[in-house]
Amino acid sequence: MKRKLIIIGLDGATFDVIDPMLEDGQLPSMARLISGGVRARLLSTIPYATIPAWPSFVTGKNPGRHGVFDFFDLSGPKRRISSSQDIDSPTLWQILSNEDKRCVVLNVPATFPPAPINGVLVSGMLTPSDSRFASPPEMMDFLHRETDGYRVNIHSHLTDQSLVDDVHEVTEKQERAFLSLLSQQNWDFAMIMFRATDVIQHHFWDQQEIVRECYRRVDRSIGNILEASTGAATFLVSDHGLQGQYRDFHINKWLVDEGYMFIQRGRATDLSRWEHIRRLDGREELAESQLRRSYAARLLLRMGITGHSVRRLLPRSWWRALKKSVPRGLRNHVPASNDLIYDVNWDRTRASAYQLYATESKAIKIVNLDDDSRAELAAELVDRLEQLRDPDTGTPIVRRAHRREDLYSGPHMHQAPDIVLDLHNGYNITNAFFADDCVTPRDEVRGCHHREGIFVAFGDGVEREKSLVSAPSLMDVMPTALHYLGCAVPADCDGRVLREIFDRHSETAKRSTRYQDTEHSETHTGPHGDLSDKEEAEIEERLRVLGYL
C-alpha cells in the first residue's frame, strides 16, 4: 500500500486554548485526530519564533547547521530579510523529491523564492506582494482561478473586525487552493501552514472569543482536508505556542542604564522607512498618517509631550480611561516616547538588542570587541540577566540566558546572536530606550510566543489515544516524516525519529531507519540582494504590525 502523509501547520497553536475547547466539543476535527492518535507538547527552537522555528522544522536541524536565526540576516554589509536561499540544508520536500516522492507544499514561512521541487511549492510568510509565489510559475494562474484571486499575505494595515475578516478570507482562499492541489496532483506528501492562529492571537489575546472563533474556523479547514485525503496519515504541528504578554522587559533601557549601550540624538530612520511604505500599493493612506505623525511628533517632543510623559503624571486607571476615550486617529499623532529622536551610538556600544533582530527572537548582539573580550562580556551579561528581578514582583524575569555556544552547533554558529533570552511566562522584550523602569506592566495585553507548541499524529501504523510524557522537539518531526514515508534521514539531523508514536506491531515501528550523508542545499547562495528596498519595507511593515519590530 502506498503511504501518504499530510502535515497541517497551525502557526502559534497551543493546547492551552485547544484543550478547553475540546472539552466543550468545539473542535471536532482536532478531537478526531487526538482521540485516534498521539498527542504531545512540542518544544520549539530557542528563540521560539516563526523564524528560525520553521526552517528548523523543514531541515530537522538547529539554526547553527541550517544558517537561519531570525527574520533578518546580518551576515552581509546591511540587515536584510531572510529567505529560502539562506537555508543551508536540504529541506523535507527536497529530500522527498530526490526519492521520487511527489510533494504539494503551501504557505510555509521562509519558502520564498520558491525553489523547484517534484511537485508544487507555494511560498508563505516573507513573500513580497506581486512576486512569483509558486513553483512551477504556471501554477499561479491555476491558484488564482481556483480561489478567485489567491492571496499569500494578510493586509497588515487593517485593525479590529476588518483584520479578523481579512484573516478568515485568506485562510479560506488558502484552504481552497490546497484542496484543489490535492485533487489535481498525484501526491505522496502534502503540507499546508495556516497563519491565522498566530495573527489572531497576537492581536486579540485579550478577546478570547475572537481567538476561539479562529480555532473553530481552522478546525473546519482541518476537517475538509481530512475528508479530501482519506487514507493519508496526518501530522498536526505548531512551531511555538502563544500566551498573554502582561509585562514588558525593556532590554535596551537596561543595557543603556548599565552602561553596555549608548544612545545619541538625531534619528531619521522612521521617516525614511515610511517613505518606502508610501510607495507600496494600497498603503499610501497608512504611510501618510505615519509621516504626519512623525512631523507632529517633533513639535510635541519640543513641548515635552509624549505618551510616556503624560502617563507618568496620571494614575493608571485615569491613563487607561484616557487611552480608550481618545480616538485612534488622534492617538497616532502623539509619540509614545522620546525614543523617536534617538538612535544607538554604535561606536561606543558593546551590546544591543535594538533593531538588529525581531523582538520575538529576544536576542542580544555584542559589538566592537575581540573574541576573548566578547566571551567575557557574554558570560557577564548571562550572569546578570539571570539574576535580574522584576522591581514590582521580585520574581525572576529571565528563565535562562543562553550563550550561542551553549545553544547551537554547526558551520553557521558564528552568525548567531551572542545571547538569546528565554523569558518567564507573561514577559516579552521591547525596543524602548525610555520607560519608568526596565520592567513595566502593559496597558493592553497582547499575545506573545511561548516555547510549547503542539504535535498530533494520526493514521496507519500510529498509536491510538496516547499522550507522550516527554515533549519531543520540533526538529524531530522532519526525520519522523521521512521514516514514515520510507525515505532516508540525513545523518546530520539534530532531530530523531519519534518511534514511540508508532504501534509496535506496525511495519513502520519494525523497520530500521535509513541514514545517509547529505550535501549542503543547492538553494543556498549566501548573501544576496533579491528583494528591492520597496519589498524589504513592505515585509518589515508586516512584521512591525505583529509586534516583531
Protein backbone atom coordinates (compact mmCIF):
# COMPACT_ATOMS: atom_id res chain seq x y z
CA MET A 1 0.00 0.00 0.00
CA LYS A 2 1.31 3.42 -1.00
CA ARG A 3 1.99 5.59 2.03
CA LYS A 4 0.80 9.21 2.03
CA LEU A 5 1.36 11.91 4.64
CA ILE A 6 -0.19 15.33 5.21
CA ILE A 7 1.25 17.85 7.64
CA ILE A 8 -1.04 20.68 8.73
CA GLY A 9 0.80 23.56 10.37
CA LEU A 10 -1.03 25.86 12.76
CA ASP A 11 1.26 28.80 13.45
CA GLY A 12 1.32 29.55 17.18
CA ALA A 13 -1.32 26.97 18.15
CA THR A 14 -1.35 25.99 21.82
CA PHE A 15 -3.04 23.26 23.84
CA ASP A 16 -3.79 25.97 26.43
CA VAL A 17 -6.53 27.16 24.06
CA ILE A 18 -7.27 23.83 22.37
CA ASP A 19 -7.87 21.63 25.43
CA PRO A 20 -10.75 23.66 26.98
CA MET A 21 -12.36 23.84 23.53
CA LEU A 22 -12.02 20.07 23.12
CA GLU A 23 -13.78 19.56 26.45
CA ASP A 24 -16.66 21.71 25.18
CA GLY A 25 -16.85 19.81 21.88
CA GLN A 26 -15.94 22.86 19.80
CA LEU A 27 -13.13 21.28 17.74
CA PRO A 28 -14.47 18.03 16.25
CA SER A 29 -11.72 17.61 13.64
CA MET A 30 -8.88 18.04 16.13
CA ALA A 31 -10.76 15.79 18.57
CA ARG A 32 -10.87 13.06 15.93
CA LEU A 33 -7.13 13.26 15.34
CA ILE A 34 -6.22 13.38 19.04
CA SER A 35 -8.58 10.61 20.18
CA GLY A 36 -7.44 8.35 17.35
CA GLY A 37 -3.74 9.15 17.53
CA VAL A 38 -0.85 10.53 19.56
CA ARG A 39 -0.52 13.98 21.11
CA ALA A 40 2.39 15.84 22.71
CA ARG A 41 3.51 19.31 23.63
CA LEU A 42 6.23 20.17 21.13
CA LEU A 43 9.35 22.09 22.15
CA SER A 44 10.26 24.82 19.70
CA THR A 45 13.67 26.21 18.92
CA ILE A 46 15.26 28.90 21.07
CA PRO A 47 14.29 31.53 20.20
CA TYR A 48 10.73 30.24 19.89
CA ALA A 49 9.96 32.47 16.93
CA THR A 50 8.47 31.72 13.50
CA ILE A 51 11.94 32.17 12.06
CA PRO A 52 14.09 30.13 12.90
CA ALA A 53 11.43 27.60 14.01
CA TRP A 54 10.03 26.67 10.58
CA PRO A 55 13.48 26.38 8.92
CA SER A 56 14.47 24.05 11.78
CA PHE A 57 11.26 22.08 11.23
CA VAL A 58 11.84 21.63 7.49
CA THR A 59 15.50 20.60 7.90
CA GLY A 60 15.42 18.73 11.22
CA LYS A 61 18.42 20.82 12.29
CA ASN A 62 19.34 23.60 14.69
CA PRO A 63 19.97 27.07 13.23
CA GLY A 64 23.74 26.61 13.58
CA ARG A 65 23.53 23.95 10.87
CA HIS A 66 20.94 25.47 8.51
CA GLY A 67 22.07 29.08 8.93
CA VAL A 68 18.81 31.00 9.57
CA PHE A 69 18.49 32.56 13.04
CA ASP A 70 15.95 35.33 12.62
CA PHE A 71 13.67 37.16 10.19
CA PHE A 72 16.75 39.23 9.40
CA ASP A 73 20.17 38.18 8.14
CA LEU A 74 23.14 40.19 9.41
CA SER A 75 25.93 38.37 7.58
CA GLY A 76 26.28 40.94 4.79
CA PRO A 77 27.01 44.68 4.72
CA LYS A 78 23.45 45.52 5.80
CA ARG A 79 20.49 43.88 7.52
CA ARG A 80 18.14 42.15 5.08
CA ILE A 81 15.11 39.86 5.14
CA SER A 82 15.95 36.15 5.36
CA SER A 83 14.80 33.94 2.51
CA SER A 84 14.69 30.32 1.36
CA GLN A 85 18.09 30.84 -0.24
CA ASP A 86 19.64 31.23 3.22
CA ILE A 87 18.64 27.71 4.33
CA ASP A 88 21.90 25.81 4.01
CA SER A 89 20.46 22.29 4.36
CA PRO A 90 18.16 20.08 2.29
CA THR A 91 14.52 20.58 3.21
CA LEU A 92 11.97 17.84 3.79
CA TRP A 93 10.44 18.26 0.34
CA GLN A 94 13.81 18.44 -1.42
CA ILE A 95 14.78 15.10 0.10
CA LEU A 96 11.40 13.58 -0.78
CA SER A 97 11.70 14.93 -4.33
CA ASN A 98 15.11 13.28 -4.67
CA GLU A 99 13.48 9.98 -3.70
CA ASP A 100 10.79 10.38 -6.39
CA LYS A 101 8.07 11.38 -3.94
CA ARG A 102 5.69 13.99 -5.30
CA CYS A 103 5.02 16.93 -2.98
CA VAL A 104 2.47 19.71 -2.53
CA VAL A 105 3.66 22.47 -0.17
CA LEU A 106 1.67 25.62 0.55
CA ASN A 107 2.26 28.70 2.73
CA VAL A 108 5.22 27.54 4.84
CA PRO A 109 7.29 30.55 6.05
CA ALA A 110 10.76 31.16 4.57
CA THR A 111 9.98 29.38 1.29
CA PHE A 112 10.33 32.50 -0.88
CA PRO A 113 11.66 32.47 -3.50
CA PRO A 114 10.01 29.09 -4.22
CA ALA A 115 12.58 26.52 -5.36
CA PRO A 116 11.71 23.82 -7.93
CA ILE A 117 10.61 20.51 -6.38
CA ASN A 118 8.98 17.33 -7.63
CA GLY A 119 5.51 18.81 -7.37
CA VAL A 120 4.18 22.24 -6.40
CA LEU A 121 5.56 24.71 -3.88
CA VAL A 122 3.60 27.86 -2.98
CA SER A 123 5.60 30.23 -0.78
CA GLY A 124 4.40 31.69 2.51
CA MET A 125 5.33 34.37 5.05
CA LEU A 126 8.09 36.77 3.88
CA THR A 127 6.79 36.68 0.30
CA PRO A 128 6.58 40.21 -1.21
CA SER A 129 3.37 41.29 -2.95
CA ASP A 130 3.28 40.96 -6.73
CA SER A 131 6.06 38.36 -6.70
CA ARG A 132 6.29 34.91 -8.29
CA PHE A 133 5.00 32.87 -5.37
CA ALA A 134 4.70 29.41 -6.95
CA SER A 135 6.94 26.78 -8.49
CA PRO A 136 6.32 25.93 -11.25
CA PRO A 137 5.28 29.53 -12.12
CA GLU A 138 2.29 28.46 -14.23
CA MET A 139 0.58 27.23 -11.06
CA MET A 140 -0.05 30.87 -10.10
CA ASP A 141 -2.78 31.17 -12.76
CA PHE A 142 -4.30 27.89 -11.61
CA LEU A 143 -4.47 29.07 -8.00
CA HIS A 144 -5.93 32.46 -8.93
CA ARG A 145 -8.68 30.71 -10.94
CA GLU A 146 -9.47 28.21 -8.20
CA THR A 147 -9.71 30.83 -5.44
CA ASP A 148 -10.98 33.95 -7.25
CA GLY A 149 -7.62 35.55 -6.62
CA TYR A 150 -5.16 33.67 -4.43
CA ARG A 151 -3.52 35.55 -1.56
CA VAL A 152 -0.34 34.81 0.35
CA ASN A 153 -0.48 37.77 2.71
CA ILE A 154 -2.92 39.31 5.14
CA HIS A 155 -3.49 43.09 4.82
CA SER A 156 -1.27 44.23 7.68
CA HIS A 157 -2.70 47.76 7.93
CA LEU A 158 -6.17 46.56 9.00
CA THR A 159 -7.39 46.59 12.60
CA ASP A 160 -10.25 45.26 14.73
CA GLN A 161 -13.02 43.33 12.92
CA SER A 162 -11.65 44.26 9.49
CA LEU A 163 -8.45 42.40 10.35
CA VAL A 164 -10.36 39.38 11.65
CA ASP A 165 -12.44 39.23 8.45
CA ASP A 166 -9.34 39.52 6.28
CA VAL A 167 -7.53 36.74 8.17
CA HIS A 168 -10.50 34.42 7.65
CA GLU A 169 -10.70 35.37 3.96
CA VAL A 170 -7.03 34.47 3.42
CA THR A 171 -7.50 31.22 5.36
CA GLU A 172 -10.46 30.28 3.16
CA LYS A 173 -8.55 31.01 -0.05
CA GLN A 174 -5.54 29.00 1.07
CA GLU A 175 -7.74 26.07 2.09
CA ARG A 176 -9.44 26.12 -1.34
CA ALA A 177 -6.05 26.28 -3.07
CA PHE A 178 -4.72 23.33 -1.06
CA LEU A 179 -7.80 21.20 -1.70
CA SER A 180 -7.57 21.95 -5.42
CA LEU A 181 -3.91 20.92 -5.48
CA LEU A 182 -4.66 17.71 -3.57
CA SER A 183 -7.27 16.89 -6.19
CA GLN A 184 -5.10 17.85 -9.18
CA GLN A 185 -1.74 16.38 -8.15
CA ASN A 186 -0.76 12.74 -7.70
CA TRP A 187 0.98 13.42 -4.39
CA ASP A 188 2.82 11.41 -1.75
CA PHE A 189 3.42 14.25 0.71
CA ALA A 190 1.45 17.44 1.24
CA MET A 191 1.71 20.32 3.69
CA ILE A 192 -0.22 23.49 4.40
CA MET A 193 0.51 26.05 7.11
CA PHE A 194 -2.25 28.32 8.43
CA ARG A 195 -1.06 31.64 9.90
CA ALA A 196 -4.48 32.63 11.22
CA THR A 197 -3.91 31.25 14.71
CA ASP A 198 -0.72 33.26 15.16
CA VAL A 199 -2.01 36.56 13.79
CA ILE A 200 -5.30 36.49 15.68
CA GLN A 201 -3.70 35.54 19.00
CA HIS A 202 -1.09 38.29 18.71
CA HIS A 203 -3.74 40.95 18.15
CA PHE A 204 -6.69 39.66 20.17
CA TRP A 205 -5.34 37.67 23.12
CA ASP A 206 -7.43 39.81 25.46
CA GLN A 207 -10.56 38.94 23.43
CA GLN A 208 -10.61 35.17 23.76
CA GLU A 209 -13.89 34.64 21.93
CA ILE A 210 -12.23 36.01 18.77
CA VAL A 211 -9.34 33.59 19.40
CA ARG A 212 -11.74 30.65 19.86
CA GLU A 213 -13.63 31.52 16.70
CA CYS A 214 -10.32 31.45 14.81
CA TYR A 215 -9.59 27.95 16.14
CA ARG A 216 -13.12 26.83 15.16
CA ARG A 217 -12.56 28.22 11.66
CA VAL A 218 -9.24 26.42 11.27
CA ASP A 219 -10.77 23.22 12.68
CA ARG A 220 -13.30 23.28 9.84
CA SER A 221 -10.42 23.56 7.38
CA ILE A 222 -8.74 20.56 9.00
CA GLY A 223 -11.97 18.58 8.63
CA ASN A 224 -12.22 19.43 4.93
CA ILE A 225 -8.60 18.39 4.37
CA LEU A 226 -9.12 15.08 6.19
CA GLU A 227 -12.18 14.39 4.04
CA ALA A 228 -10.18 15.07 0.86
CA SER A 229 -7.22 12.88 1.87
CA THR A 230 -8.76 9.61 3.02
CA GLY A 231 -6.10 7.03 3.81
CA ALA A 232 -3.29 9.51 4.37
CA ALA A 233 -1.61 9.85 7.75
CA THR A 234 -1.83 13.31 9.30
CA PHE A 235 0.56 15.29 11.48
CA LEU A 236 -0.71 18.46 13.17
CA VAL A 237 2.16 20.78 14.14
CA SER A 238 2.72 24.25 15.52
CA ASP A 239 6.08 26.00 15.54
CA HIS A 240 5.51 27.50 19.01
CA GLY A 241 2.64 28.36 21.32
CA LEU A 242 1.12 31.69 22.34
CA GLN A 243 0.49 33.28 25.73
CA GLY A 244 -0.57 36.62 27.15
CA GLN A 245 2.07 39.34 27.34
CA TYR A 246 1.33 41.16 30.58
CA ARG A 247 4.68 42.82 31.31
CA ASP A 248 7.30 44.45 29.08
CA PHE A 249 11.01 43.92 29.64
CA HIS A 250 12.75 46.97 28.18
CA ILE A 251 16.04 45.23 27.48
CA ASN A 252 17.59 48.22 25.70
CA LYS A 253 16.78 50.56 28.60
CA TRP A 254 18.50 48.06 30.91
CA LEU A 255 21.55 47.88 28.61
CA VAL A 256 21.72 51.70 28.49
CA ASP A 257 21.28 52.09 32.25
CA GLU A 258 24.01 49.53 32.93
CA GLY A 259 26.50 51.12 30.52
CA TYR A 260 26.54 48.42 27.83
CA MET A 261 24.78 50.52 25.19
CA PHE A 262 24.91 54.24 24.37
CA ILE A 263 22.37 56.36 22.50
CA GLN A 264 22.51 59.66 20.68
CA ARG A 265 20.10 62.23 19.24
CA GLY A 266 19.33 62.54 15.55
CA ARG A 267 17.35 59.56 14.28
CA ALA A 268 15.83 59.78 10.80
CA THR A 269 15.15 56.10 10.08
CA ASP A 270 11.43 56.28 10.92
CA LEU A 271 10.76 58.87 8.23
CA SER A 272 12.76 57.04 5.58
CA ARG A 273 11.01 53.76 6.39
CA TRP A 274 7.56 55.28 5.95
CA GLU A 275 8.67 56.99 2.74
CA HIS A 276 9.37 53.49 1.40
CA ILE A 277 6.00 52.22 2.62
CA ARG A 278 4.16 55.14 0.99
CA ARG A 279 5.24 53.80 -2.40
CA LEU A 280 3.61 50.41 -1.76
CA ASP A 281 0.32 49.67 -3.49
CA GLY A 282 -2.66 50.29 -1.24
CA ARG A 283 -0.61 51.74 1.61
CA GLU A 284 -0.42 55.43 0.73
CA GLU A 285 -3.02 56.49 3.31
CA LEU A 286 -1.40 54.42 6.04
CA ALA A 287 2.05 55.84 5.32
CA GLU A 288 0.77 59.40 5.12
CA SER A 289 -0.77 59.09 8.58
CA GLN A 290 2.52 57.84 9.96
CA LEU A 291 4.55 60.55 8.25
CA ARG A 292 2.22 63.24 9.54
CA ARG A 293 2.52 61.72 12.97
CA SER A 294 6.29 61.91 12.74
CA TYR A 295 6.24 65.61 11.84
CA ALA A 296 3.65 66.38 14.51
CA ALA A 297 5.65 64.32 16.97
CA ARG A 298 8.64 66.60 16.56
CA LEU A 299 6.56 69.59 17.69
CA LEU A 300 5.10 67.64 20.62
CA LEU A 301 8.55 66.43 21.57
CA ARG A 302 9.86 70.01 21.67
CA MET A 303 6.98 70.74 24.06
CA GLY A 304 7.89 67.69 26.15
CA ILE A 305 4.58 65.96 25.42
CA THR A 306 4.72 62.22 24.85
CA GLY A 307 2.53 59.31 25.83
CA HIS A 308 5.20 58.34 28.33
CA SER A 309 5.36 61.78 29.95
CA VAL A 310 1.55 62.04 30.26
CA ARG A 311 1.30 58.54 31.68
CA ARG A 312 3.78 59.38 34.44
CA LEU A 313 1.51 62.21 35.63
CA LEU A 314 -1.70 60.16 35.81
CA PRO A 315 -2.89 57.25 37.97
CA ARG A 316 -3.06 54.02 35.96
CA SER A 317 -6.87 53.93 35.93
CA TRP A 318 -7.00 57.51 34.58
CA TRP A 319 -4.41 56.68 31.90
CA ARG A 320 -6.39 53.67 30.69
CA ALA A 321 -9.59 55.69 30.58
CA LEU A 322 -7.83 58.46 28.61
CA LYS A 323 -6.48 55.98 26.03
CA LYS A 324 -9.93 54.49 25.50
CA SER A 325 -11.60 57.90 25.14
CA VAL A 326 -9.14 59.39 22.62
CA PRO A 327 -9.82 58.31 19.00
CA ARG A 328 -7.11 56.24 17.34
CA GLY A 329 -6.59 58.91 14.68
CA LEU A 330 -5.59 61.46 17.32
CA ARG A 331 -3.51 58.98 19.31
CA ASN A 332 -1.43 58.27 16.18
CA HIS A 333 -0.14 61.86 16.28
CA VAL A 334 1.25 61.54 19.80
CA PRO A 335 4.72 59.96 20.07
CA ALA A 336 4.88 57.12 22.58
CA SER A 337 8.15 58.43 24.00
CA ASN A 338 11.17 60.50 23.00
CA ASP A 339 12.75 57.33 21.56
CA LEU A 340 11.71 58.84 18.22
CA ILE A 341 14.62 61.28 18.11
CA TYR A 342 17.29 58.89 19.40
CA ASP A 343 19.36 56.14 17.86
CA VAL A 344 22.18 53.85 19.01
CA ASN A 345 25.69 55.26 19.21
CA TRP A 346 27.29 52.17 17.72
CA ASP A 347 30.86 53.40 18.18
CA ARG A 348 30.53 53.35 21.97
CA THR A 349 28.09 50.45 22.34
CA ARG A 350 29.22 46.99 23.45
CA ALA A 351 25.88 45.13 23.48
CA SER A 352 22.48 45.91 21.95
CA ALA A 353 19.12 44.33 21.21
CA TYR A 354 17.91 47.34 19.23
CA GLN A 355 16.53 46.79 15.69
CA LEU A 356 19.03 44.06 14.85
CA TYR A 357 16.70 41.13 15.37
CA ALA A 358 12.94 40.72 15.71
CA THR A 359 11.75 41.24 19.27
CA GLU A 360 10.38 37.67 19.45
CA SER A 361 13.98 36.48 18.99
CA LYS A 362 14.86 38.09 22.36
CA ALA A 363 18.45 38.34 21.12
CA ILE A 364 21.47 40.44 22.06
CA LYS A 365 24.45 41.16 19.82
CA ILE A 366 27.87 42.08 21.19
CA VAL A 367 29.84 44.55 19.05
CA ASN A 368 33.24 46.27 18.94
CA LEU A 369 35.06 43.56 20.92
CA ASP A 370 37.65 40.88 20.10
CA ASP A 371 36.80 37.22 20.67
CA ASP A 372 38.19 37.00 24.20
CA SER A 373 36.50 40.21 25.34
CA ARG A 374 33.28 39.13 23.65
CA ALA A 375 33.27 35.84 25.58
CA GLU A 376 33.92 37.66 28.87
CA LEU A 377 31.11 40.15 28.27
CA ALA A 378 28.71 37.38 27.21
CA ALA A 379 29.39 35.49 30.44
CA GLU A 380 28.88 38.69 32.46
CA LEU A 381 25.59 39.51 30.73
CA VAL A 382 24.28 35.96 31.15
CA ASP A 383 25.02 36.03 34.87
CA ARG A 384 23.47 39.45 35.44
CA LEU A 385 20.37 38.83 33.32
CA GLU A 386 19.60 35.54 35.03
CA GLN A 387 19.77 37.31 38.41
CA LEU A 388 17.55 40.20 37.29
CA ARG A 389 14.30 40.60 39.25
CA ASP A 390 11.04 42.33 38.39
CA PRO A 391 11.05 45.52 40.51
CA ASP A 392 7.31 45.17 41.24
CA THR A 393 7.00 41.45 41.98
CA GLY A 394 10.54 40.47 42.98
CA THR A 395 10.35 37.42 40.70
CA PRO A 396 12.91 36.50 38.01
CA ILE A 397 12.36 37.89 34.52
CA VAL A 398 14.78 35.67 32.58
CA ARG A 399 14.31 31.92 32.84
CA ARG A 400 17.65 31.41 31.15
CA ALA A 401 20.09 33.49 29.12
CA HIS A 402 21.76 31.28 26.52
CA ARG A 403 25.18 31.95 25.03
CA ARG A 404 25.26 30.94 21.40
CA GLU A 405 27.98 28.37 22.08
CA ASP A 406 25.65 26.59 24.52
CA LEU A 407 22.64 26.73 22.22
CA TYR A 408 23.82 25.99 18.68
CA SER A 409 26.25 23.81 16.78
CA GLY A 410 27.27 23.72 13.15
CA PRO A 411 29.09 25.71 10.46
CA HIS A 412 26.91 28.83 10.86
CA MET A 413 27.16 29.21 14.63
CA HIS A 414 29.32 32.34 14.24
CA GLN A 415 26.34 34.12 12.61
CA ALA A 416 24.13 33.57 15.66
CA PRO A 417 23.20 36.28 18.17
CA ASP A 418 25.63 36.28 21.07
CA ILE A 419 22.89 35.79 23.67
CA VAL A 420 19.29 34.58 23.35
CA LEU A 421 16.86 35.02 26.24
CA ASP A 422 14.21 32.58 27.40
CA LEU A 423 11.85 34.71 29.48
CA HIS A 424 9.41 33.63 32.15
CA ASN A 425 5.75 33.42 31.17
CA GLY A 426 3.97 36.72 30.58
CA TYR A 427 7.09 38.73 29.63
CA ASN A 428 8.38 39.91 26.28
CA ILE A 429 11.04 42.41 25.28
CA THR A 430 10.58 45.81 23.65
CA ASN A 431 12.89 48.14 21.74
CA ALA A 432 12.29 51.11 24.06
CA PHE A 433 15.17 53.21 25.37
CA PHE A 434 12.99 55.10 27.87
CA ALA A 435 10.48 53.74 30.39
CA ASP A 436 9.57 54.12 34.06
CA ASP A 437 11.68 51.06 34.84
CA CYS A 438 13.31 48.17 33.00
CA VAL A 439 10.05 46.22 33.50
CA THR A 440 6.58 47.79 33.27
CA PRO A 441 3.04 46.37 33.12
CA ARG A 442 1.26 46.56 29.77
CA ASP A 443 -1.80 48.76 29.41
CA GLU A 444 -3.16 46.49 26.67
CA VAL A 445 -2.50 42.76 26.84
CA ARG A 446 -1.43 41.18 23.55
CA GLY A 447 -0.24 37.73 22.58
CA CYS A 448 3.43 36.75 22.59
CA HIS A 449 5.20 33.49 21.91
CA HIS A 450 5.55 30.52 24.25
CA ARG A 451 8.01 27.69 23.65
CA GLU A 452 5.49 24.84 23.79
CA GLY A 453 3.71 24.15 20.52
CA ILE A 454 1.53 21.18 19.60
CA PHE A 455 2.12 17.83 17.89
CA VAL A 456 -0.58 15.33 16.89
CA ALA A 457 -0.04 12.20 14.77
CA PHE A 458 -2.87 10.13 13.27
CA GLY A 459 -3.07 7.35 10.71
CA ASP A 460 -1.96 3.90 9.65
CA GLY A 461 0.68 2.48 11.97
CA VAL A 462 0.29 5.27 14.56
CA GLU A 463 -0.64 4.53 18.18
CA ARG A 464 -4.13 5.48 19.36
CA GLU A 465 -5.20 7.53 22.39
CA LYS A 466 -1.63 8.12 23.52
CA SER A 467 -0.04 11.17 25.13
CA LEU A 468 3.73 11.46 25.17
CA VAL A 469 5.14 12.19 28.62
CA SER A 470 8.38 13.72 27.34
CA ALA A 471 7.93 16.63 24.95
CA PRO A 472 9.61 15.98 21.58
CA SER A 473 11.48 18.66 19.65
CA LEU A 474 10.14 20.50 16.64
CA MET A 475 13.24 19.17 14.84
CA ASP A 476 12.02 15.57 15.38
CA VAL A 477 9.05 15.93 13.02
CA MET A 478 11.06 16.02 9.77
CA PRO A 479 13.04 12.78 10.32
CA THR A 480 9.85 11.12 11.59
CA ALA A 481 8.04 12.08 8.38
CA LEU A 482 10.90 10.78 6.24
CA HIS A 483 10.97 7.46 8.10
CA TYR A 484 7.19 7.09 7.83
CA LEU A 485 7.40 7.52 4.05
CA GLY A 486 10.32 5.04 3.79
CA CYS A 487 12.96 7.62 2.92
CA ALA A 488 16.48 8.08 4.25
CA VAL A 489 17.11 10.57 7.05
CA PRO A 490 20.10 12.95 6.79
CA ALA A 491 22.83 11.67 9.10
CA ASP A 492 23.49 15.17 10.49
CA CYS A 493 19.91 15.81 11.62
CA ASP A 494 19.61 17.10 15.16
CA GLY A 495 16.11 15.68 15.35
CA ARG A 496 15.32 12.00 15.81
CA VAL A 497 12.66 9.60 14.55
CA LEU A 498 9.80 9.52 17.08
CA ARG A 499 9.48 5.75 17.21
CA GLU A 500 7.30 6.00 20.31
CA ILE A 501 4.37 7.30 18.23
CA PHE A 502 4.15 4.12 16.16
CA ASP A 503 2.24 0.95 17.02
CA ARG A 504 4.96 -1.53 17.99
CA HIS A 505 3.36 -4.18 15.74
CA SER A 506 3.36 -1.91 12.68
CA GLU A 507 5.77 -2.15 9.78
CA THR A 508 6.88 1.42 10.48
CA ALA A 509 7.95 0.55 14.02
CA LYS A 510 9.73 -2.66 12.99
CA ARG A 511 11.60 -1.12 10.06
CA SER A 512 15.12 0.21 10.71
CA THR A 513 15.72 3.87 9.92
CA ARG A 514 17.93 4.51 6.91
CA TYR A 515 20.50 7.30 7.20
CA GLN A 516 22.61 8.95 4.55
CA ASP A 517 25.19 11.72 4.35
CA THR A 518 23.94 14.88 2.69
CA GLU A 519 25.42 17.82 0.88
CA HIS A 520 24.53 21.43 1.65
CA SER A 521 21.33 22.55 -0.03
CA GLU A 522 21.65 23.58 -3.67
CA THR A 523 19.34 26.53 -2.97
CA HIS A 524 21.79 28.18 -0.60
CA THR A 525 23.53 31.08 -2.27
CA GLY A 526 24.70 33.08 0.73
CA PRO A 527 24.18 36.83 0.99
CA HIS A 528 22.13 38.22 -1.88
CA GLY A 529 20.01 41.19 -2.80
CA ASP A 530 16.94 39.64 -4.38
CA LEU A 531 14.49 41.92 -2.56
CA SER A 532 14.19 45.56 -3.54
CA ASP A 533 14.07 48.33 -0.94
CA LYS A 534 10.33 48.55 -1.59
CA GLU A 535 9.84 44.82 -0.91
CA GLU A 536 12.00 44.94 2.21
CA ALA A 537 9.93 47.88 3.54
CA GLU A 538 6.69 46.02 2.82
CA ILE A 539 7.77 42.93 4.74
CA GLU A 540 9.17 44.99 7.63
CA GLU A 541 5.80 46.73 7.86
CA ARG A 542 4.03 43.37 8.30
CA LEU A 543 6.50 42.30 10.98
CA ARG A 544 6.12 45.62 12.78
CA VAL A 545 2.32 45.31 12.92
CA LEU A 546 2.71 41.88 14.54
CA GLY A 547 4.91 43.46 17.21
CA TYR A 548 8.10 41.78 15.96
CA LEU A 549 9.93 45.11 15.47
